[in-house]
Amino acid sequence: MHHRAHYLRVFWTFFLNSAVREMTFRGNFLITLLTRTFWFAAQLTLFELIYRSVNTINDWSREEYFAFMATGMLINAIVETFFMPNCANFSELIRTGNLDFVLLKPIDTQFLISFEKVELAQLNQVVLALGLLGYSLVQSGHTVTLTQAALFLMYVAAGVVFFYSLMIILASSSIWFGRNQGLYDFWFYITVFARYPRSIYSGSPTGEVLMFAFSYVIPILLVVTVPARVLLGKILVPGWLTFVLPAAAVVSLLVCRSVFDLSLRSYRSASS
């Protein structure tokens, strides 16, 4: 318990430092808030226009699709708030030699690298996503049970863990490649598939291949689809599909830890 409390205090220090940094550059903070809010409004407007012409997209009504969209925004907002800036900075630590100082600190290196910076401006996306989710559920008329809400939170957490693990794996490659901008681009390219429900890929040979690959090889399509369907009562619980995402989260976390440790063993300090 004392060990856990120690890490919580460290994280709280990181959070306060990030708040001070954001308030030092208030203009940049406000611009980021406005930019993210504009992006949020643009996404809503796009699908509002689409649903004026159709009643459903595949088996998703307007309100259900907005709930799906809100779930995806929530997961991405959490990842971008806590992990994205830190993973993106990992290659810079290696290039400048500052990773040496990180390794000397009496704390788990992966924890330090993962949580040192918090992008507080991205938290407005969490608020907007929760607002859209609440609106969607009210408009759909679906009554969310306590079990559905608990499972939804569990699957959202599993989705965050999966995305985080994928980012750490890609960030760790910086030790071998020096710079890994292309690999970060790869992360964005494959995660774009999570923006759309898994079911829309069915019906064509290419779509079926993509659906299989991104459901069972790299389960990108399940990260948002499973929690959204569980919350809306559109998926059988428990069902075989509901076990894939938690299992993938656990496996990916173990793999990312192994890759991270392996990369550190391959690291040669700036002074060597």
C-alpha atoms as a PDB file:
ATOM      1  CA  MET A   1       0.000   0.000   0.000  1.00  0.00           C
ATOM      2  CA  HIS A   2       2.841   2.396   0.854  1.00  0.00           C
ATOM      3  CA  HIS A   3       4.492   1.617  -2.494  1.00  0.00           C
ATOM      4  CA  ARG A   4       1.252   2.432  -4.335  1.00  0.00           C
ATOM      5  CA  ALA A   5       0.820   5.673  -2.401  1.00  0.00           C
ATOM      6  CA  HIS A   6       4.365   6.662  -3.397  1.00  0.00           C
ATOM      7  CA  TYR A   7       3.506   6.339  -7.082  1.00  0.00           C
ATOM      8  CA  LEU A   8       0.260   8.271  -6.611  1.00  0.00           C
ATOM      9  CA  ARG A   9       2.194  11.154  -5.033  1.00  0.00           C
ATOM     10  CA  VAL A  10       4.627  11.154  -7.944  1.00  0.00           C
ATOM     11  CA  PHE A  11       1.788  11.202 -10.448  1.00  0.00           C
ATOM     12  CA  TRP A  12       0.095  14.049  -8.567  1.00  0.00           C
ATOM     13  CA  THR A  13       3.356  16.014  -8.759  1.00  0.00           C
ATOM     14  CA  PHE A  14       3.459  15.416 -12.513  1.00  0.00           C
ATOM     15  CA  PHE A  15      -0.142  16.632 -12.765  1.00  0.00           C
ATOM     16  CA  LEU A  16       0.578  19.827 -10.823  1.00  0.00           C
ATOM     17  CA  ASN A  17       3.693  20.525 -12.889  1.00  0.00           C
ATOM     18  CA  SER A  18       1.656  20.121 -16.062  1.00  0.00           C
ATOM     19  CA  ALA A  19      -0.978  22.530 -14.718  1.00  0.00           C
ATOM     20  CA  VAL A  20       1.711  25.137 -13.957  1.00  0.00           C
ATOM     21  CA  ARG A  21       3.169  24.694 -17.449  1.00  0.00           C
ATOM     22  CA  GLU A  22      -0.236  25.118 -19.109  1.00  0.00           C
ATOM     23  CA  MET A  23      -1.034  28.239 -17.086  1.00  0.00           C
ATOM     24  CA  THR A  24       2.351  29.704 -18.008  1.00  0.00           C
ATOM     25  CA  PHE A  25       1.302  29.594 -21.662  1.00  0.00           C
ATOM     26  CA  ARG A  26      -2.398  30.401 -21.356  1.00  0.00           C
ATOM     27  CA  GLY A  27      -2.728  31.479 -24.971  1.00  0.00           C
ATOM     28  CA  ASN A  28      -1.563  28.119 -26.262  1.00  0.00           C
ATOM     29  CA  PHE A  29      -3.855  26.368 -23.756  1.00  0.00           C
ATOM     30  CA  LEU A  30      -6.910  28.326 -24.964  1.00  0.00           C
ATOM     31  CA  ILE A  31      -6.058  27.793 -28.629  1.00  0.00           C
ATOM     32  CA  THR A  32      -5.799  24.045 -28.034  1.00  0.00           C
ATOM     33  CA  LEU A  33      -9.188  24.059 -26.295  1.00  0.00           C
ATOM     34  CA  LEU A  34     -10.784  25.950 -29.179  1.00  0.00           C
ATOM     35  CA  THR A  35      -9.148  23.736 -31.791  1.00  0.00           C
ATOM     36  CA  ARG A  36     -10.303  20.519 -30.154  1.00  0.00           C
ATOM     37  CA  THR A  37     -13.805  21.916 -29.642  1.00  0.00           C
ATOM     38  CA  PHE A  38     -13.965  22.887 -33.323  1.00  0.00           C
ATOM     39  CA  TRP A  39     -12.855  19.382 -34.327  1.00  0.00           C
ATOM     40  CA  PHE A  40     -15.541  17.906 -32.067  1.00  0.00           C
ATOM     41  CA  ALA A  41     -18.227  20.137 -33.598  1.00  0.00           C
ATOM     42  CA  ALA A  42     -17.045  19.303 -37.122  1.00  0.00           C
ATOM     43  CA  GLN A  43     -17.396  15.562 -36.475  1.00  0.00           C
ATOM     44  CA  LEU A  44     -20.898  16.006 -35.113  1.00  0.00           C
ATOM     45  CA  THR A  45     -21.931  18.209 -38.027  1.00  0.00           C
ATOM     46  CA  LEU A  46     -20.628  15.723 -40.587  1.00  0.00           C
ATOM     47  CA  PHE A  47     -22.636  12.792 -39.237  1.00  0.00           C
ATOM     48  CA  GLU A  48     -25.665  14.977 -38.542  1.00  0.00           C
ATOM     49  CA  LEU A  49     -25.705  15.780 -42.265  1.00  0.00           C
ATOM     50  CA  ILE A  50     -25.263  12.101 -43.165  1.00  0.00           C
ATOM     51  CA  TYR A  51     -28.171  11.032 -40.959  1.00  0.00           C
ATOM     52  CA  ARG A  52     -30.451  13.538 -42.662  1.00  0.00           C
ATOM     53  CA  SER A  53     -30.245  11.295 -45.730  1.00  0.00           C
ATOM     54  CA  VAL A  54     -30.255   7.852 -44.075  1.00  0.00           C
ATOM     55  CA  ASN A  55     -31.964   6.360 -41.045  1.00  0.00           C
ATOM     56  CA  THR A  56     -29.184   3.955 -40.157  1.00  0.00           C
ATOM     57  CA  ILE A  57     -25.568   3.250 -41.051  1.00  0.00           C
ATOM     58  CA  ASN A  58     -25.405  -0.523 -41.112  1.00  0.00           C
ATOM     59  CA  ASP A  59     -27.334  -1.261 -37.875  1.00  0.00           C
ATOM     60  CA  TRP A  60     -26.490   2.010 -36.110  1.00  0.00           C
ATOM     61  CA  SER A  61     -29.155   4.669 -35.708  1.00  0.00           C
ATOM     62  CA  ARG A  62     -28.210   8.334 -35.329  1.00  0.00           C
ATOM     63  CA  GLU A  63     -28.308   8.266 -31.518  1.00  0.00           C
ATOM     64  CA  GLU A  64     -26.467   4.940 -31.337  1.00  0.00           C
ATOM     65  CA  TYR A  65     -23.752   6.132 -33.694  1.00  0.00           C
ATOM     66  CA  PHE A  66     -23.249   9.269 -31.622  1.00  0.00           C
ATOM     67  CA  ALA A  67     -22.836   7.033 -28.561  1.00  0.00           C
ATOM     68  CA  PHE A  68     -20.239   5.037 -30.509  1.00  0.00           C
ATOM     69  CA  MET A  69     -18.499   8.251 -31.543  1.00  0.00           C
ATOM     70  CA  ALA A  70     -18.506   9.522 -27.949  1.00  0.00           C
ATOM     71  CA  THR A  71     -16.948   6.258 -26.755  1.00  0.00           C
ATOM     72  CA  GLY A  72     -14.150   6.550 -29.298  1.00  0.00           C
ATOM     73  CA  MET A  73     -13.544  10.183 -28.396  1.00  0.00           C
ATOM     74  CA  LEU A  74     -13.417   9.288 -24.704  1.00  0.00           C
ATOM     75  CA  ILE A  75     -10.819   6.549 -25.197  1.00  0.00           C
ATOM     76  CA  ASN A  76      -8.678   8.691 -27.494  1.00  0.00           C
ATOM     77  CA  ALA A  77      -8.922  11.694 -25.166  1.00  0.00           C
ATOM     78  CA  ILE A  78      -7.599   9.644 -22.242  1.00  0.00           C
ATOM     79  CA  VAL A  79      -4.742   8.278 -24.350  1.00  0.00           C
ATOM     80  CA  GLU A  80      -3.836  11.707 -25.743  1.00  0.00           C
ATOM     81  CA  THR A  81      -4.032  13.352 -22.313  1.00  0.00           C
ATOM     82  CA  PHE A  82      -1.792  10.977 -20.390  1.00  0.00           C
ATOM     83  CA  PHE A  83       0.318   8.943 -22.815  1.00  0.00           C
ATOM     84  CA  MET A  84       0.706  10.510 -26.253  1.00  0.00           C
ATOM     85  CA  PRO A  85       3.030  13.416 -25.298  1.00  0.00           C
ATOM     86  CA  ASN A  86       5.243  11.140 -23.212  1.00  0.00           C
ATOM     87  CA  CYS A  87       5.603   8.406 -25.799  1.00  0.00           C
ATOM     88  CA  ALA A  88       6.301  11.008 -28.478  1.00  0.00           C
ATOM     89  CA  ASN A  89       9.066  12.455 -26.273  1.00  0.00           C
ATOM     90  CA  PHE A  90      10.835   9.132 -25.728  1.00  0.00           C
ATOM     91  CA  SER A  91      12.955   9.369 -28.873  1.00  0.00           C
ATOM     92  CA  GLU A  92      13.978  12.894 -27.840  1.00  0.00           C
ATOM     93  CA  LEU A  93      15.185  11.560 -24.482  1.00  0.00           C
ATOM     94  CA  ILE A  94      17.369   9.078 -26.339  1.00  0.00           C
ATOM     95  CA  ARG A  95      18.685  11.645 -28.835  1.00  0.00           C
ATOM     96  CA  THR A  96      19.652  14.181 -26.162  1.00  0.00           C
ATOM     97  CA  GLY A  97      21.002  11.609 -23.710  1.00  0.00           C
ATOM     98  CA  ASN A  98      18.454  12.608 -21.047  1.00  0.00           C
ATOM     99  CA  LEU A  99      17.328   8.994 -20.814  1.00  0.00           C
ATOM    100  CA  ASP A 100      20.478   8.452 -18.720  1.00  0.00           C
ATOM    101  CA  PHE A 101      19.043  10.682 -15.992  1.00  0.00           C
ATOM    102  CA  VAL A 102      15.678   8.932 -16.187  1.00  0.00           C
ATOM    103  CA  LEU A 103      17.332   5.548 -15.644  1.00  0.00           C
ATOM    104  CA  LEU A 104      19.106   6.835 -12.544  1.00  0.00           C
ATOM    105  CA  LYS A 105      15.911   7.832 -10.760  1.00  0.00           C
ATOM    106  CA  PRO A 106      14.655   5.452  -8.008  1.00  0.00           C
ATOM    107  CA  ILE A 107      11.337   4.754  -9.695  1.00  0.00           C
ATOM    108  CA  ASP A 108      10.071   2.425 -12.385  1.00  0.00           C
ATOM    109  CA  THR A 109      11.365   3.765 -15.713  1.00  0.00           C
ATOM    110  CA  GLN A 110       8.266   2.874 -17.713  1.00  0.00           C
ATOM    111  CA  PHE A 111       6.050   4.659 -15.180  1.00  0.00           C
ATOM    112  CA  LEU A 112       8.230   7.760 -15.307  1.00  0.00           C
ATOM    113  CA  ILE A 113       8.317   7.870 -19.093  1.00  0.00           C
ATOM    114  CA  SER A 114       4.581   7.175 -19.385  1.00  0.00           C
ATOM    115  CA  PHE A 115       3.222   9.794 -16.962  1.00  0.00           C
ATOM    116  CA  GLU A 116       5.759  12.612 -16.701  1.00  0.00           C
ATOM    117  CA  LYS A 117       3.703  15.043 -18.785  1.00  0.00           C
ATOM    118  CA  VAL A 118      -0.081  15.447 -18.755  1.00  0.00           C
ATOM    119  CA  GLU A 119      -1.712  17.261 -21.682  1.00  0.00           C
ATOM    120  CA  LEU A 120      -4.421  18.997 -19.654  1.00  0.00           C
ATOM    121  CA  ALA A 121      -5.935  20.805 -22.620  1.00  0.00           C
ATOM    122  CA  GLN A 122      -7.065  17.430 -23.971  1.00  0.00           C
ATOM    123  CA  LEU A 123      -9.273  16.893 -20.927  1.00  0.00           C
ATOM    124  CA  ASN A 124     -11.936  19.050 -22.560  1.00  0.00           C
ATOM    125  CA  GLN A 125     -12.367  16.162 -25.009  1.00  0.00           C
ATOM    126  CA  VAL A 126     -13.262  13.918 -22.075  1.00  0.00           C
ATOM    127  CA  VAL A 127     -15.929  16.399 -20.970  1.00  0.00           C
ATOM    128  CA  LEU A 128     -17.302  16.789 -24.503  1.00  0.00           C
ATOM    129  CA  ALA A 129     -17.323  13.025 -25.064  1.00  0.00           C
ATOM    130  CA  LEU A 130     -19.201  12.365 -21.820  1.00  0.00           C
ATOM    131  CA  GLY A 131     -21.703  15.096 -22.695  1.00  0.00           C
ATOM    132  CA  LEU A 132     -22.310  13.575 -26.128  1.00  0.00           C
ATOM    133  CA  LEU A 133     -22.618  10.109 -24.607  1.00  0.00           C
ATOM    134  CA  GLY A 134     -25.227  11.282 -22.111  1.00  0.00           C
ATOM    135  CA  TYR A 135     -27.172  13.083 -24.848  1.00  0.00           C
ATOM    136  CA  SER A 136     -27.092  10.010 -27.097  1.00  0.00           C
ATOM    137  CA  LEU A 137     -28.375   7.680 -24.389  1.00  0.00           C
ATOM    138  CA  VAL A 138     -31.224  10.024 -23.480  1.00  0.00           C
ATOM    139  CA  GLN A 139     -32.229  10.477 -27.124  1.00  0.00           C
ATOM    140  CA  SER A 140     -32.079   6.748 -27.836  1.00  0.00           C
ATOM    141  CA  GLY A 141     -34.392   6.001 -24.921  1.00  0.00           C
ATOM    142  CA  HIS A 142     -32.175   3.111 -23.838  1.00  0.00           C
ATOM    143  CA  THR A 143     -32.070   2.504 -20.098  1.00  0.00           C
ATOM    144  CA  VAL A 144     -28.538   1.625 -19.051  1.00  0.00           C
ATOM    145  CA  THR A 145     -28.341  -1.008 -16.348  1.00  0.00           C
ATOM    146  CA  LEU A 146     -25.714  -0.979 -13.615  1.00  0.00           C
ATOM    147  CA  THR A 147     -24.127  -4.062 -15.154  1.00  0.00           C
ATOM    148  CA  GLN A 148     -23.896  -2.421 -18.574  1.00  0.00           C
ATOM    149  CA  ALA A 149     -22.344   0.716 -17.075  1.00  0.00           C
ATOM    150  CA  ALA A 150     -19.762  -1.315 -15.140  1.00  0.00           C
ATOM    151  CA  LEU A 151     -18.873  -3.390 -18.208  1.00  0.00           C
ATOM    152  CA  PHE A 152     -18.654  -0.240 -20.311  1.00  0.00           C
ATOM    153  CA  LEU A 153     -16.087   1.255 -17.925  1.00  0.00           C
ATOM    154  CA  MET A 154     -14.138  -2.005 -17.916  1.00  0.00           C
ATOM    155  CA  TYR A 155     -14.028  -2.177 -21.722  1.00  0.00           C
ATOM    156  CA  VAL A 156     -13.078   1.500 -22.010  1.00  0.00           C
ATOM    157  CA  ALA A 157     -10.198   0.824 -19.605  1.00  0.00           C
ATOM    158  CA  ALA A 158      -9.215  -2.218 -21.681  1.00  0.00           C
ATOM    159  CA  GLY A 159      -9.235  -0.072 -24.822  1.00  0.00           C
ATOM    160  CA  VAL A 160      -7.018   2.547 -23.174  1.00  0.00           C
ATOM    161  CA  VAL A 161      -4.604  -0.157 -22.010  1.00  0.00           C
ATOM    162  CA  PHE A 162      -4.440  -1.658 -25.508  1.00  0.00           C
ATOM    163  CA  PHE A 163      -3.729   1.711 -27.155  1.00  0.00           C
ATOM    164  CA  TYR A 164      -1.178   2.583 -24.472  1.00  0.00           C
ATOM    165  CA  SER A 165       0.621  -0.725 -24.934  1.00  0.00           C
ATOM    166  CA  LEU A 166       0.760  -0.248 -28.679  1.00  0.00           C
ATOM    167  CA  MET A 167       2.239   3.215 -28.212  1.00  0.00           C
ATOM    168  CA  ILE A 168       4.887   2.003 -25.757  1.00  0.00           C
ATOM    169  CA  ILE A 169       5.920  -0.754 -28.164  1.00  0.00           C
ATOM    170  CA  LEU A 170       6.336   1.773 -30.967  1.00  0.00           C
ATOM    171  CA  ALA A 171       8.120   4.250 -28.677  1.00  0.00           C
ATOM    172  CA  SER A 172      10.548   1.570 -27.491  1.00  0.00           C
ATOM    173  CA  SER A 173      11.676   1.026 -31.060  1.00  0.00           C
ATOM    174  CA  SER A 174      13.365   4.449 -30.876  1.00  0.00           C
ATOM    175  CA  ILE A 175      16.285   2.810 -29.086  1.00  0.00           C
ATOM    176  CA  TRP A 176      16.974   0.627 -32.126  1.00  0.00           C
ATOM    177  CA  PHE A 177      15.969   3.027 -34.904  1.00  0.00           C
ATOM    178  CA  GLY A 178      16.948   6.366 -33.377  1.00  0.00           C
ATOM    179  CA  ARG A 179      13.883   8.116 -34.795  1.00  0.00           C
ATOM    180  CA  ASN A 180      10.549   6.387 -35.266  1.00  0.00           C
ATOM    181  CA  GLN A 181       8.304   9.021 -36.838  1.00  0.00           C
ATOM    182  CA  GLY A 182       7.258   6.524 -39.484  1.00  0.00           C
ATOM    183  CA  LEU A 183       6.143   4.097 -36.801  1.00  0.00           C
ATOM    184  CA  TYR A 184       4.057   6.790 -35.114  1.00  0.00           C
ATOM    185  CA  ASP A 185       2.449   7.463 -38.478  1.00  0.00           C
ATOM    186  CA  PHE A 186       1.710   3.740 -38.633  1.00  0.00           C
ATOM    187  CA  TRP A 187      -0.050   4.015 -35.251  1.00  0.00           C
ATOM    188  CA  PHE A 188      -2.327   6.758 -36.564  1.00  0.00           C
ATOM    189  CA  TYR A 189      -2.994   4.899 -39.797  1.00  0.00           C
ATOM    190  CA  ILE A 190      -4.180   1.717 -38.113  1.00  0.00           C
ATOM    191  CA  THR A 191      -6.096   3.387 -35.267  1.00  0.00           C
ATOM    192  CA  VAL A 192      -8.173   5.305 -37.806  1.00  0.00           C
ATOM    193  CA  PHE A 193     -10.059   2.031 -38.349  1.00  0.00           C
ATOM    194  CA  ALA A 194     -11.382   2.292 -34.780  1.00  0.00           C
ATOM    195  CA  ARG A 195     -13.332   5.413 -35.724  1.00  0.00           C
ATOM    196  CA  TYR A 196     -15.939   3.290 -37.468  1.00  0.00           C
ATOM    197  CA  PRO A 197     -18.057   0.374 -36.196  1.00  0.00           C
ATOM    198  CA  ARG A 198     -16.742  -3.095 -36.859  1.00  0.00           C
ATOM    199  CA  SER A 199     -19.905  -4.145 -38.703  1.00  0.00           C
ATOM    200  CA  ILE A 200     -19.461  -1.654 -41.563  1.00  0.00           C
ATOM    201  CA  TYR A 201     -16.507  -3.663 -42.881  1.00  0.00           C
ATOM    202  CA  SER A 202     -18.644  -6.733 -43.572  1.00  0.00           C
ATOM    203  CA  GLY A 203     -20.139  -7.475 -46.972  1.00  0.00           C
ATOM    204  CA  SER A 204     -17.091  -7.419 -49.253  1.00  0.00           C
ATOM    205  CA  PRO A 205     -13.988  -9.637 -49.510  1.00  0.00           C
ATOM    206  CA  THR A 206     -11.620  -6.766 -48.698  1.00  0.00           C
ATOM    207  CA  GLY A 207     -13.781  -5.644 -45.821  1.00  0.00           C
ATOM    208  CA  GLU A 208     -13.949  -9.158 -44.398  1.00  0.00           C
ATOM    209  CA  VAL A 209     -10.147  -9.423 -44.501  1.00  0.00           C
ATOM    210  CA  LEU A 210      -9.791  -6.072 -42.727  1.00  0.00           C
ATOM    211  CA  MET A 211     -12.428  -7.031 -40.169  1.00  0.00           C
ATOM    212  CA  PHE A 212     -10.658 -10.305 -39.369  1.00  0.00           C
ATOM    213  CA  ALA A 213      -7.183  -8.755 -39.202  1.00  0.00           C
ATOM    214  CA  PHE A 214      -8.234  -5.832 -37.017  1.00  0.00           C
ATOM    215  CA  SER A 215     -10.433  -7.957 -34.782  1.00  0.00           C
ATOM    216  CA  TYR A 216      -8.174 -10.923 -34.025  1.00  0.00           C
ATOM    217  CA  VAL A 217      -4.610 -10.017 -35.077  1.00  0.00           C
ATOM    218  CA  ILE A 218      -4.530  -6.383 -33.950  1.00  0.00           C
ATOM    219  CA  PRO A 219      -8.002  -5.876 -32.407  1.00  0.00           C
ATOM    220  CA  ILE A 220      -8.313  -2.188 -33.299  1.00  0.00           C
ATOM    221  CA  LEU A 221     -11.950  -2.602 -34.387  1.00  0.00           C
ATOM    222  CA  LEU A 222     -12.976  -3.933 -30.969  1.00  0.00           C
ATOM    223  CA  VAL A 223     -11.556  -1.055 -28.902  1.00  0.00           C
ATOM    224  CA  VAL A 224     -14.575   1.211 -29.477  1.00  0.00           C
ATOM    225  CA  THR A 225     -17.178  -1.158 -30.916  1.00  0.00           C
ATOM    226  CA  VAL A 226     -17.333  -3.538 -27.927  1.00  0.00           C
ATOM    227  CA  PRO A 227     -17.845  -0.953 -25.141  1.00  0.00           C
ATOM    228  CA  ALA A 228     -20.352   1.018 -27.246  1.00  0.00           C
ATOM    229  CA  ARG A 229     -22.386  -2.078 -28.107  1.00  0.00           C
ATOM    230  CA  VAL A 230     -22.322  -3.289 -24.503  1.00  0.00           C
ATOM    231  CA  LEU A 231     -23.585   0.067 -23.234  1.00  0.00           C
ATOM    232  CA  LEU A 232     -26.384   0.157 -25.821  1.00  0.00           C
ATOM    233  CA  GLY A 233     -27.375  -3.479 -25.253  1.00  0.00           C
ATOM    234  CA  LYS A 234     -26.459  -4.370 -28.845  1.00  0.00           C
ATOM    235  CA  ILE A 235     -24.166  -7.267 -27.968  1.00  0.00           C
ATOM    236  CA  LEU A 236     -24.608 -10.513 -26.064  1.00  0.00           C
ATOM    237  CA  VAL A 237     -22.914 -10.424 -22.652  1.00  0.00           C
ATOM    238  CA  PRO A 238     -21.097 -12.601 -21.979  1.00  0.00           C
ATOM    239  CA  GLY A 239     -20.246 -13.462 -25.571  1.00  0.00           C
ATOM    240  CA  TRP A 240     -17.110 -14.601 -27.332  1.00  0.00           C
ATOM    241  CA  LEU A 241     -16.479 -11.098 -28.726  1.00  0.00           C
ATOM    242  CA  THR A 242     -16.597  -9.541 -25.268  1.00  0.00           C
ATOM    243  CA  PHE A 243     -13.663 -11.701 -24.133  1.00  0.00           C
ATOM    244  CA  VAL A 244     -11.322 -10.751 -26.986  1.00  0.00           C
ATOM    245  CA  LEU A 245     -10.735  -7.111 -25.973  1.00  0.00           C
ATOM    246  CA  PRO A 246      -9.864  -7.743 -22.276  1.00  0.00           C
ATOM    247  CA  ALA A 247      -7.622 -10.634 -23.295  1.00  0.00           C
ATOM    248  CA  ALA A 248      -5.927  -8.441 -25.914  1.00  0.00           C
ATOM    249  CA  ALA A 249      -5.405  -5.691 -23.324  1.00  0.00           C
ATOM    250  CA  VAL A 250      -3.700  -8.063 -20.888  1.00  0.00           C
ATOM    251  CA  VAL A 251      -1.540  -9.689 -23.570  1.00  0.00           C
ATOM    252  CA  SER A 252      -0.559  -6.346 -25.099  1.00  0.00           C
ATOM    253  CA  LEU A 253       0.411  -4.965 -21.677  1.00  0.00           C
ATOM    254  CA  LEU A 254       2.674  -7.961 -21.027  1.00  0.00           C
ATOM    255  CA  VAL A 255       4.195  -7.700 -24.500  1.00  0.00           C
ATOM    256  CA  CYS A 256       4.809  -3.959 -24.194  1.00  0.00           C
ATOM    257  CA  ARG A 257       6.559  -4.452 -20.848  1.00  0.00           C
ATOM    258  CA  SER A 258       8.783  -7.139 -22.357  1.00  0.00           C
ATOM    259  CA  VAL A 259       9.607  -5.001 -25.387  1.00  0.00           C
ATOM    260  CA  PHE A 260      10.295  -1.971 -23.191  1.00  0.00           C
ATOM    261  CA  ASP A 261      12.650  -3.938 -20.913  1.00  0.00           C
ATOM    262  CA  LEU A 262      14.385  -5.454 -23.945  1.00  0.00           C
ATOM    263  CA  SER A 263      14.877  -2.010 -25.479  1.00  0.00           C
ATOM    264  CA  LEU A 264      16.427  -0.672 -22.269  1.00  0.00           C
ATOM    265  CA  ARG A 265      18.858  -3.597 -22.196  1.00  0.00           C
ATOM    266  CA  SER A 266      19.894  -2.605 -25.721  1.00  0.00           C
ATOM    267  CA  TYR A 267      20.349   1.037 -24.783  1.00  0.00           C
ATOM    268  CA  ARG A 268      23.848   2.492 -24.719  1.00  0.00           C
ATOM    269  CA  SER A 269      24.104   5.640 -22.621  1.00  0.00           C
ATOM    270  CA  ALA A 270      25.080   8.992 -24.142  1.00  0.00           C
ATOM    271  CA  SER A 271      28.444   8.752 -22.390  1.00  0.00           C
ATOM    272  CA  SER A 272      29.314   5.330 -23.769  1.00  0.00           C
END
